[in-house]
C-alpha atoms as a PDB file:
ATOM      1  CA  UNK A   1     -10.587  10.560  11.749  1.00  0.00           C
ATOM      2  CA  UNK A   2      -7.416  10.738   9.690  1.00  0.00           C
ATOM      3  CA  UNK A   3      -6.045   7.522   7.937  1.00  0.00           C
ATOM      4  CA  UNK A   4      -3.178   5.702   9.650  1.00  0.00           C
ATOM      5  CA  UNK A   5       0.149   6.357   8.242  1.00  0.00           C
ATOM      6  CA  UNK A   6       1.329   3.774   5.887  1.00  0.00           C
ATOM      7  CA  UNK A   7       4.965   3.162   4.585  1.00  0.00           C
ATOM      8  CA  UNK A   8       5.548   5.259   1.626  1.00  0.00           C
ATOM      9  CA  UNK A   9       6.234   2.199  -0.410  1.00  0.00           C
ATOM     10  CA  UNK A  10       2.725   1.009   0.102  1.00  0.00           C
ATOM     11  CA  UNK A  11       0.972   4.257   0.072  1.00  0.00           C
ATOM     12  CA  UNK A  12      -1.189   4.910  -3.113  1.00  0.00           C
ATOM     13  CA  UNK A  13      -0.705   8.583  -3.257  1.00  0.00           C
ATOM     14  CA  UNK A  14       3.034   8.547  -2.797  1.00  0.00           C
ATOM     15  CA  UNK A  15       3.353   5.701  -5.514  1.00  0.00           C
ATOM     16  CA  UNK A  16       1.227   7.371  -8.124  1.00  0.00           C
ATOM     17  CA  UNK A  17       2.206  11.037  -7.358  1.00  0.00           C
ATOM     18  CA  UNK A  18       5.959  10.521  -6.633  1.00  0.00           C
ATOM     19  CA  UNK A  19       7.539   7.251  -6.929  1.00  0.00           C
ATOM     20  CA  UNK A  20       5.818   6.273 -10.337  1.00  0.00           C
ATOM     21  CA  UNK A  21       4.393   9.307 -11.477  1.00  0.00           C
ATOM     22  CA  UNK A  22       6.209   8.253 -14.660  1.00  0.00           C
ATOM     23  CA  UNK A  23       8.686   5.493 -15.705  1.00  0.00           C
ATOM     24  CA  UNK A  24      11.857   7.452 -15.135  1.00  0.00           C
ATOM     25  CA  UNK A  25      12.594   6.386 -11.538  1.00  0.00           C
ATOM     26  CA  UNK A  26      12.052   2.781 -12.426  1.00  0.00           C
ATOM     27  CA  UNK A  27      14.240   3.185 -15.715  1.00  0.00           C
ATOM     28  CA  UNK A  28      17.137   4.302 -13.302  1.00  0.00           C
ATOM     29  CA  UNK A  29      16.690   1.019 -11.214  1.00  0.00           C
ATOM     30  CA  UNK A  30      16.361  -1.156 -14.381  1.00  0.00           C
ATOM     31  CA  UNK A  31      19.576   0.425 -16.001  1.00  0.00           C
ATOM     32  CA  UNK A  32      21.771  -1.188 -13.339  1.00  0.00           C
ATOM     33  CA  UNK A  33      20.986  -4.723 -14.777  1.00  0.00           C
ATOM     34  CA  UNK A  34      23.053  -3.665 -17.745  1.00  0.00           C
ATOM     35  CA  UNK A  35      25.998  -4.545 -15.730  1.00  0.00           C
ATOM     36  CA  UNK A  36      24.775  -8.014 -14.574  1.00  0.00           C
ATOM     37  CA  UNK A  37      26.962 -11.015 -15.229  1.00  0.00           C
ATOM     38  CA  UNK A  38      25.928 -13.588 -16.163  1.00  0.00           C
ATOM     39  CA  UNK A  39      22.956 -11.644 -17.700  1.00  0.00           C
ATOM     40  CA  UNK A  40      19.682 -12.821 -16.654  1.00  0.00           C
ATOM     41  CA  UNK A  41      16.759 -12.221 -19.349  1.00  0.00           C
ATOM     42  CA  UNK A  42      13.973 -11.756 -16.895  1.00  0.00           C
ATOM     43  CA  UNK A  43      11.511 -11.064 -19.739  1.00  0.00           C
ATOM     44  CA  UNK A  44      12.319 -14.386 -21.454  1.00  0.00           C
ATOM     45  CA  UNK A  45      12.131 -16.223 -17.981  1.00  0.00           C
ATOM     46  CA  UNK A  46       8.636 -14.847 -17.455  1.00  0.00           C
ATOM     47  CA  UNK A  47       7.567 -15.861 -20.943  1.00  0.00           C
ATOM     48  CA  UNK A  48       8.708 -19.299 -20.528  1.00  0.00           C
ATOM     49  CA  UNK A  49       7.113 -19.636 -17.081  1.00  0.00           C
ATOM     50  CA  UNK A  50       3.756 -18.566 -18.915  1.00  0.00           C
ATOM     51  CA  UNK A  51       4.095 -21.445 -21.297  1.00  0.00           C
ATOM     52  CA  UNK A  52       2.758 -21.125 -24.768  1.00  0.00           C
ATOM     53  CA  UNK A  53       0.559 -17.845 -24.934  1.00  0.00           C
ATOM     54  CA  UNK A  54      -0.508 -17.737 -28.545  1.00  0.00           C
ATOM     55  CA  UNK A  55      -4.119 -16.530 -28.605  1.00  0.00           C
ATOM     56  CA  UNK A  56      -4.415 -16.531 -24.743  1.00  0.00           C
ATOM     57  CA  UNK A  57      -5.682 -13.685 -22.364  1.00  0.00           C
ATOM     58  CA  UNK A  58      -2.811 -12.297 -20.241  1.00  0.00           C
ATOM     59  CA  UNK A  59      -3.486  -9.671 -17.415  1.00  0.00           C
ATOM     60  CA  UNK A  60      -0.118  -7.886 -16.674  1.00  0.00           C
ATOM     61  CA  UNK A  61      -0.893  -6.362 -13.248  1.00  0.00           C
ATOM     62  CA  UNK A  62       1.374  -3.536 -11.965  1.00  0.00           C
ATOM     63  CA  UNK A  63       2.611  -3.444 -15.759  1.00  0.00           C
ATOM     64  CA  UNK A  64       5.096  -0.732 -15.156  1.00  0.00           C
ATOM     65  CA  UNK A  65       6.731   0.350 -18.271  1.00  0.00           C
ATOM     66  CA  UNK A  66       5.194  -2.724 -19.989  1.00  0.00           C
ATOM     67  CA  UNK A  67       8.398  -4.518 -20.743  1.00  0.00           C
ATOM     68  CA  UNK A  68       6.867  -8.200 -19.739  1.00  0.00           C
ATOM     69  CA  UNK A  69       3.601  -7.047 -21.688  1.00  0.00           C
ATOM     70  CA  UNK A  70       5.543  -6.385 -24.809  1.00  0.00           C
ATOM     71  CA  UNK A  71       7.309  -9.806 -24.674  1.00  0.00           C
ATOM     72  CA  UNK A  72       4.084 -11.855 -24.278  1.00  0.00           C
ATOM     73  CA  UNK A  73       2.328  -9.645 -26.968  1.00  0.00           C
ATOM     74  CA  UNK A  74       5.360 -10.671 -29.374  1.00  0.00           C
ATOM     75  CA  UNK A  75       4.667 -14.364 -28.402  1.00  0.00           C
ATOM     76  CA  UNK A  76       1.015 -13.987 -29.617  1.00  0.00           C
ATOM     77  CA  UNK A  77      -0.839 -13.044 -26.340  1.00  0.00           C
ATOM     78  CA  UNK A  78      -3.796 -10.644 -26.023  1.00  0.00           C
ATOM     79  CA  UNK A  79      -2.384  -8.537 -23.160  1.00  0.00           C
ATOM     80  CA  UNK A  80      -4.378  -6.238 -20.741  1.00  0.00           C
ATOM     81  CA  UNK A  81      -1.974  -3.943 -18.747  1.00  0.00           C
ATOM     82  CA  UNK A  82      -3.219  -2.564 -15.468  1.00  0.00           C
ATOM     83  CA  UNK A  83      -1.356  -0.282 -13.135  1.00  0.00           C
ATOM     84  CA  UNK A  84      -2.338   2.066 -10.388  1.00  0.00           C
ATOM     85  CA  UNK A  85      -0.377   4.912 -11.928  1.00  0.00           C
ATOM     86  CA  UNK A  86      -1.599   6.475 -15.066  1.00  0.00           C
ATOM     87  CA  UNK A  87       1.803   8.159 -15.623  1.00  0.00           C
ATOM     88  CA  UNK A  88       3.258   4.376 -15.977  1.00  0.00           C
ATOM     89  CA  UNK A  89       0.441   3.319 -18.347  1.00  0.00           C
ATOM     90  CA  UNK A  90       1.259   6.369 -20.403  1.00  0.00           C
ATOM     91  CA  UNK A  91       4.776   4.953 -20.827  1.00  0.00           C
ATOM     92  CA  UNK A  92       3.631   1.577 -22.229  1.00  0.00           C
ATOM     93  CA  UNK A  93       4.112   1.459 -26.058  1.00  0.00           C
ATOM     94  CA  UNK A  94       2.073  -0.877 -28.218  1.00  0.00           C
ATOM     95  CA  UNK A  95      -1.395  -1.484 -29.425  1.00  0.00           C
ATOM     96  CA  UNK A  96      -2.433  -3.635 -26.448  1.00  0.00           C
ATOM     97  CA  UNK A  97      -5.015  -2.804 -23.864  1.00  0.00           C
ATOM     98  CA  UNK A  98      -4.539  -0.917 -20.747  1.00  0.00           C
ATOM     99  CA  UNK A  99      -6.646   0.048 -17.640  1.00  0.00           C
ATOM    100  CA  UNK A 100      -5.613   2.058 -14.500  1.00  0.00           C
ATOM    101  CA  UNK A 101      -6.759  -0.075 -11.664  1.00  0.00           C
ATOM    102  CA  UNK A 102      -5.979  -1.310  -8.128  1.00  0.00           C
ATOM    103  CA  UNK A 103      -4.589  -4.542  -7.989  1.00  0.00           C
ATOM    104  CA  UNK A 104      -6.766  -5.366  -5.034  1.00  0.00           C
ATOM    105  CA  UNK A 105     -10.071  -4.748  -6.945  1.00  0.00           C
ATOM    106  CA  UNK A 106      -9.315  -5.778 -10.645  1.00  0.00           C
ATOM    107  CA  UNK A 107     -11.853  -4.633 -13.249  1.00  0.00           C
ATOM    108  CA  UNK A 108     -11.963  -8.009 -14.896  1.00  0.00           C
ATOM    109  CA  UNK A 109     -14.653 -10.635 -14.893  1.00  0.00           C
ATOM    110  CA  UNK A 110     -14.372 -13.738 -12.761  1.00  0.00           C
ATOM    111  CA  UNK A 111     -12.743 -16.611 -14.768  1.00  0.00           C
ATOM    112  CA  UNK A 112     -11.864 -14.369 -17.772  1.00  0.00           C
ATOM    113  CA  UNK A 113      -8.250 -14.769 -18.224  1.00  0.00           C
ATOM    114  CA  UNK A 114      -5.616 -17.535 -18.898  1.00  0.00           C
ATOM    115  CA  UNK A 115      -2.472 -16.024 -17.277  1.00  0.00           C
ATOM    116  CA  UNK A 116      -1.789 -13.483 -14.625  1.00  0.00           C
ATOM    117  CA  UNK A 117       1.552 -11.819 -14.212  1.00  0.00           C
ATOM    118  CA  UNK A 118       2.481  -9.928 -11.107  1.00  0.00           C
ATOM    119  CA  UNK A 119       6.013  -8.917 -11.814  1.00  0.00           C
ATOM    120  CA  UNK A 120       7.837  -7.122  -8.922  1.00  0.00           C
ATOM    121  CA  UNK A 121       4.483  -5.409  -7.773  1.00  0.00           C
ATOM    122  CA  UNK A 122       3.032  -7.108  -4.746  1.00  0.00           C
ATOM    123  CA  UNK A 123       5.489  -5.518  -2.319  1.00  0.00           C
ATOM    124  CA  UNK A 124       3.922  -2.328  -3.259  1.00  0.00           C
ATOM    125  CA  UNK A 125       0.490  -3.285  -1.752  1.00  0.00           C
ATOM    126  CA  UNK A 126      -0.934  -3.051   1.646  1.00  0.00           C
ATOM    127  CA  UNK A 127      -2.742  -6.175   1.417  1.00  0.00           C
ATOM    128  CA  UNK A 128      -0.840  -8.264  -1.133  1.00  0.00           C
ATOM    129  CA  UNK A 129      -2.996 -11.457  -0.146  1.00  0.00           C
ATOM    130  CA  UNK A 130      -6.211  -9.618  -1.320  1.00  0.00           C
ATOM    131  CA  UNK A 131      -4.517  -9.179  -4.591  1.00  0.00           C
ATOM    132  CA  UNK A 132      -3.692 -12.655  -4.957  1.00  0.00           C
ATOM    133  CA  UNK A 133      -7.392 -13.500  -4.097  1.00  0.00           C
ATOM    134  CA  UNK A 134      -8.175 -11.455  -7.049  1.00  0.00           C
ATOM    135  CA  UNK A 135      -5.876 -13.059  -9.230  1.00  0.00           C
ATOM    136  CA  UNK A 136      -7.280 -16.386  -8.522  1.00  0.00           C
ATOM    137  CA  UNK A 137     -10.705 -14.952  -8.879  1.00  0.00           C
ATOM    138  CA  UNK A 138     -10.056 -13.527 -12.574  1.00  0.00           C
ATOM    139  CA  UNK A 139      -8.222 -16.911 -13.724  1.00  0.00           C
ATOM    140  CA  UNK A 140     -10.036 -19.530 -15.491  1.00  0.00           C
ATOM    141  CA  UNK A 141      -9.828 -23.191 -14.160  1.00  0.00           C
ATOM    142  CA  UNK A 142      -6.876 -24.004 -16.221  1.00  0.00           C
ATOM    143  CA  UNK A 143      -5.213 -20.633 -15.725  1.00  0.00           C
ATOM    144  CA  UNK A 144      -1.568 -19.841 -14.161  1.00  0.00           C
ATOM    145  CA  UNK A 145      -0.206 -17.225 -12.012  1.00  0.00           C
ATOM    146  CA  UNK A 146       3.274 -15.939 -12.420  1.00  0.00           C
ATOM    147  CA  UNK A 147       4.946 -13.759  -9.744  1.00  0.00           C
ATOM    148  CA  UNK A 148       8.170 -12.343  -9.514  1.00  0.00           C
ATOM    149  CA  UNK A 149       9.921 -10.436  -6.676  1.00  0.00           C
ATOM    150  CA  UNK A 150      13.432  -9.545  -5.121  1.00  0.00           C
ATOM    151  CA  UNK A 151      14.493 -11.861  -2.256  1.00  0.00           C
ATOM    152  CA  UNK A 152      16.360 -10.641   0.865  1.00  0.00           C
ATOM    153  CA  UNK A 153      19.723 -11.487  -0.733  1.00  0.00           C
ATOM    154  CA  UNK A 154      19.019  -9.193  -3.739  1.00  0.00           C
ATOM    155  CA  UNK A 155      21.669  -6.188  -3.817  1.00  0.00           C
ATOM    156  CA  UNK A 156      22.330  -6.957   0.006  1.00  0.00           C
ATOM    157  CA  UNK A 157      25.969  -5.612  -0.245  1.00  0.00           C
ATOM    158  CA  UNK A 158      24.782  -2.111  -1.178  1.00  0.00           C
ATOM    159  CA  UNK A 159      21.733  -2.386   1.297  1.00  0.00           C
ATOM    160  CA  UNK A 160      24.323  -2.916   4.055  1.00  0.00           C
ATOM    161  CA  UNK A 161      26.642  -0.137   3.064  1.00  0.00           C
ATOM    162  CA  UNK A 162      23.610   2.245   2.949  1.00  0.00           C
ATOM    163  CA  UNK A 163      22.601   1.084   6.592  1.00  0.00           C
ATOM    164  CA  UNK A 164      25.761   1.840   7.670  1.00  0.00           C
ATOM    165  CA  UNK A 165      25.242   5.354   6.402  1.00  0.00           C
ATOM    166  CA  UNK A 166      22.080   5.636   8.236  1.00  0.00           C
ATOM    167  CA  UNK A 167      23.579   4.514  11.290  1.00  0.00           C
ATOM    168  CA  UNK A 168      26.445   7.055  10.974  1.00  0.00           C
ATOM    169  CA  UNK A 169      23.841   9.904  10.633  1.00  0.00           C
ATOM    170  CA  UNK A 170      21.699   8.542  13.538  1.00  0.00           C
ATOM    171  CA  UNK A 171      18.946   7.532  11.128  1.00  0.00           C
ATOM    172  CA  UNK A 172      16.634   4.502  12.053  1.00  0.00           C
ATOM    173  CA  UNK A 173      17.677   1.479   9.924  1.00  0.00           C
ATOM    174  CA  UNK A 174      14.307  -0.095  10.747  1.00  0.00           C
ATOM    175  CA  UNK A 175      12.313   2.558   9.106  1.00  0.00           C
ATOM    176  CA  UNK A 176      11.147   0.914   5.787  1.00  0.00           C
ATOM    177  CA  UNK A 177      11.024   4.254   4.334  1.00  0.00           C
ATOM    178  CA  UNK A 178      14.783   4.642   4.674  1.00  0.00           C
ATOM    179  CA  UNK A 179      15.707   1.231   3.459  1.00  0.00           C
ATOM    180  CA  UNK A 180      17.610   1.388  -0.016  1.00  0.00           C
ATOM    181  CA  UNK A 181      15.136  -1.496  -1.127  1.00  0.00           C
ATOM    182  CA  UNK A 182      11.737  -2.246  -0.851  1.00  0.00           C
ATOM    183  CA  UNK A 183      11.445  -5.144   1.797  1.00  0.00           C
ATOM    184  CA  UNK A 184       7.654  -4.828   2.556  1.00  0.00           C
ATOM    185  CA  UNK A 185       6.952  -8.432   1.606  1.00  0.00           C
ATOM    186  CA  UNK A 186       9.547 -11.101   2.514  1.00  0.00           C
ATOM    187  CA  UNK A 187       9.925 -14.112   0.490  1.00  0.00           C
ATOM    188  CA  UNK A 188       8.411 -16.552   3.007  1.00  0.00           C
ATOM    189  CA  UNK A 189       5.324 -14.745   3.526  1.00  0.00           C
ATOM    190  CA  UNK A 190       4.681 -14.155  -0.371  1.00  0.00           C
ATOM    191  CA  UNK A 191       5.104 -17.826  -0.963  1.00  0.00           C
ATOM    192  CA  UNK A 192       2.567 -18.401   1.863  1.00  0.00           C
ATOM    193  CA  UNK A 193       0.135 -15.812   0.613  1.00  0.00           C
ATOM    194  CA  UNK A 194       0.136 -17.593  -3.047  1.00  0.00           C
ATOM    195  CA  UNK A 195      -0.115 -21.008  -1.384  1.00  0.00           C
ATOM    196  CA  UNK A 196      -3.268 -20.007   0.562  1.00  0.00           C
ATOM    197  CA  UNK A 197      -4.999 -19.514  -2.773  1.00  0.00           C
ATOM    198  CA  UNK A 198      -3.546 -21.962  -5.085  1.00  0.00           C
ATOM    199  CA  UNK A 199      -2.770 -25.778  -4.588  1.00  0.00           C
ATOM    200  CA  UNK A 200       0.386 -26.150  -6.968  1.00  0.00           C
ATOM    201  CA  UNK A 201       2.805 -23.583  -6.247  1.00  0.00           C
ATOM    202  CA  UNK A 202       6.373 -23.915  -7.783  1.00  0.00           C
ATOM    203  CA  UNK A 203       9.240 -21.468  -7.588  1.00  0.00           C
ATOM    204  CA  UNK A 204      12.975 -21.150  -8.675  1.00  0.00           C
ATOM    205  CA  UNK A 205      15.574 -18.538  -7.906  1.00  0.00           C
ATOM    206  CA  UNK A 206      17.354 -16.535 -10.539  1.00  0.00           C
ATOM    207  CA  UNK A 207      20.710 -15.485  -9.123  1.00  0.00           C
ATOM    208  CA  UNK A 208      23.639 -13.597 -10.664  1.00  0.00           C
ATOM    209  CA  UNK A 209      25.892 -10.440 -10.027  1.00  0.00           C
ATOM    210  CA  UNK A 210      26.263  -6.924 -10.872  1.00  0.00           C
ATOM    211  CA  UNK A 211      29.836  -5.953 -11.503  1.00  0.00           C
ATOM    212  CA  UNK A 212      30.760  -2.325 -11.377  1.00  0.00           C
ATOM    213  CA  UNK A 213      34.067  -0.659 -12.222  1.00  0.00           C
ATOM    214  CA  UNK A 214      32.240   3.060 -11.836  1.00  0.00           C
ATOM    215  CA  UNK A 215      30.034   4.086  -9.059  1.00  0.00           C
ATOM    216  CA  UNK A 216      27.685   5.883 -11.358  1.00  0.00           C
ATOM    217  CA  UNK A 217      24.969   3.320 -12.300  1.00  0.00           C
ATOM    218  CA  UNK A 218      24.545   2.375  -8.520  1.00  0.00           C
ATOM    219  CA  UNK A 219      24.527   5.982  -7.395  1.00  0.00           C
ATOM    220  CA  UNK A 220      21.822   6.540  -9.925  1.00  0.00           C
ATOM    221  CA  UNK A 221      19.929   3.604  -8.577  1.00  0.00           C
ATOM    222  CA  UNK A 222      19.984   4.854  -5.223  1.00  0.00           C
ATOM    223  CA  UNK A 223      19.239   8.529  -6.152  1.00  0.00           C
ATOM    224  CA  UNK A 224      15.845   7.024  -7.595  1.00  0.00           C
ATOM    225  CA  UNK A 225      14.725   5.360  -4.537  1.00  0.00           C
ATOM    226  CA  UNK A 226      12.260   6.129  -1.899  1.00  0.00           C
ATOM    227  CA  UNK A 227      15.237   5.962   0.512  1.00  0.00           C
ATOM    228  CA  UNK A 228      17.225   8.905  -1.130  1.00  0.00           C
ATOM    229  CA  UNK A 229      13.771  11.088  -1.338  1.00  0.00           C
ATOM    230  CA  UNK A 230      13.031  10.246   2.304  1.00  0.00           C
ATOM    231  CA  UNK A 231      16.470  11.012   3.725  1.00  0.00           C
ATOM    232  CA  UNK A 232      16.839  14.372   1.789  1.00  0.00           C
ATOM    233  CA  UNK A 233      13.421  15.346   3.290  1.00  0.00           C
ATOM    234  CA  UNK A 234      14.902  14.699   6.539  1.00  0.00           C
ATOM    235  CA  UNK A 235      17.844  16.967   6.018  1.00  0.00           C
ATOM    236  CA  UNK A 236      20.538  14.344   5.258  1.00  0.00           C
ATOM    237  CA  UNK A 237      22.119  13.862   1.738  1.00  0.00           C
ATOM    238  CA  UNK A 238      23.444  10.338   1.826  1.00  0.00           C
ATOM    239  CA  UNK A 239      24.052   9.994  -1.902  1.00  0.00           C
ATOM    240  CA  UNK A 240      27.839  11.842  -1.921  1.00  0.00           C
ATOM    241  CA  UNK A 241      29.122   9.441   0.843  1.00  0.00           C
ATOM    242  CA  UNK A 242      27.255   6.488  -0.673  1.00  0.00           C
ATOM    243  CA  UNK A 243      29.005   7.144  -4.005  1.00  0.00           C
ATOM    244  CA  UNK A 244      32.259   7.529  -2.362  1.00  0.00           C
ATOM    245  CA  UNK A 245      32.285   4.386  -0.355  1.00  0.00           C
ATOM    246  CA  UNK A 246      31.425   2.644  -3.822  1.00  0.00           C
ATOM    247  CA  UNK A 247      34.486   4.245  -5.306  1.00  0.00           C
ATOM    248  CA  UNK A 248      36.637   3.085  -2.466  1.00  0.00           C
ATOM    249  CA  UNK A 249      35.553  -0.593  -2.819  1.00  0.00           C
ATOM    250  CA  UNK A 250      36.277  -0.212  -6.726  1.00  0.00           C
ATOM    251  CA  UNK A 251      39.689   1.303  -6.080  1.00  0.00           C
ATOM    252  CA  UNK A 252      40.544  -1.487  -3.448  1.00  0.00           C
ATOM    253  CA  UNK A 253      39.166  -4.318  -5.318  1.00  0.00           C
ATOM    254  CA  UNK A 254      39.101  -3.341  -9.118  1.00  0.00           C
ATOM    255  CA  UNK A 255      35.312  -3.734  -9.103  1.00  0.00           C
ATOM    256  CA  UNK A 256      32.198  -3.679  -6.845  1.00  0.00           C
ATOM    257  CA  UNK A 257      30.088  -6.870  -7.026  1.00  0.00           C
ATOM    258  CA  UNK A 258      26.726  -7.158  -6.118  1.00  0.00           C
ATOM    259  CA  UNK A 259      24.283  -9.992  -5.436  1.00  0.00           C
ATOM    260  CA  UNK A 260      21.227 -10.081  -7.515  1.00  0.00           C
ATOM    261  CA  UNK A 261      18.515 -12.653  -6.768  1.00  0.00           C
ATOM    262  CA  UNK A 262      14.731 -12.914  -7.832  1.00  0.00           C
ATOM    263  CA  UNK A 263      12.115 -15.474  -7.103  1.00  0.00           C
ATOM    264  CA  UNK A 264      10.061 -16.495  -9.954  1.00  0.00           C
ATOM    265  CA  UNK A 265       6.802 -18.141  -8.691  1.00  0.00           C
ATOM    266  CA  UNK A 266       4.375 -20.201 -10.963  1.00  0.00           C
ATOM    267  CA  UNK A 267       0.985 -21.235  -9.421  1.00  0.00           C
ATOM    268  CA  UNK A 268      -1.870 -23.240 -10.890  1.00  0.00           C
ATOM    269  CA  UNK A 269      -5.173 -25.359  -9.454  1.00  0.00           C
ATOM    270  CA  UNK A 270      -6.683 -22.343  -7.510  1.00  0.00           C
ATOM    271  CA  UNK A 271      -8.428 -23.146  -4.301  1.00  0.00           C
ATOM    272  CA  UNK A 272     -11.958 -22.560  -5.208  1.00  0.00           C
ATOM    273  CA  UNK A 273     -13.227 -22.917  -1.829  1.00  0.00           C
ATOM    274  CA  UNK A 274     -11.553 -19.501  -1.196  1.00  0.00           C
ATOM    275  CA  UNK A 275     -12.209 -17.765  -4.244  1.00  0.00           C
ATOM    276  CA  UNK A 276     -15.766 -15.943  -4.288  1.00  0.00           C
ATOM    277  CA  UNK A 277     -17.780 -15.477  -7.212  1.00  0.00           C
END
């Protein structure tokens, strides 16, 4: 019997063979934050949330290009980077350890790490709650989990513009493969999943804006997404129209302003009755 179809953004083969075969698409998306004002230093926010890490063992799950792991290594941590994609791991620079791994089955001993970082990765999983259970398993009794994710307000202006174009072409705006941003894990469900496995859960929102006076950065962002890949495969190239709509906004208002909002969650005191040895 064939496997059931999964949304591309949580499909392992698509993620490793296309979306994250290397760090180039991720780089195009990160580049848009060069235009963020006021600038949020997410790497530093994560470092602060981790607390002092000198000599501590940190597991960076879904490490991507290693930007957070580098910061924590410089702060004195012993970092193990794991990612489903070998291509992403190959892009990680530095001498710290790395391992190709599924976040739902970590190759790490129970109670063996001091911090687990899951930065912008849980929405790529079919079963994020299983990964959070794994995070609780590998953390020691005094350990801390740090999670970041985009909220439903993140880049909402561009997402609404993209959805208008989908609607104009008669495409399904409810199809997650066509959405400009990964919305597979809503914020309330993410918090509930963390609270299922940890007693003390706190969070804060990091909110800012991206201000563009040229459409190129946002057009490049869109071109790197699953939405652009999928609509192209269906025979629709939305990117020229998307870029033109951004340019119209800039010509009218002098700029195109986007909301950015990230939730940063810290969790301690794992619920030991749930975590299995």
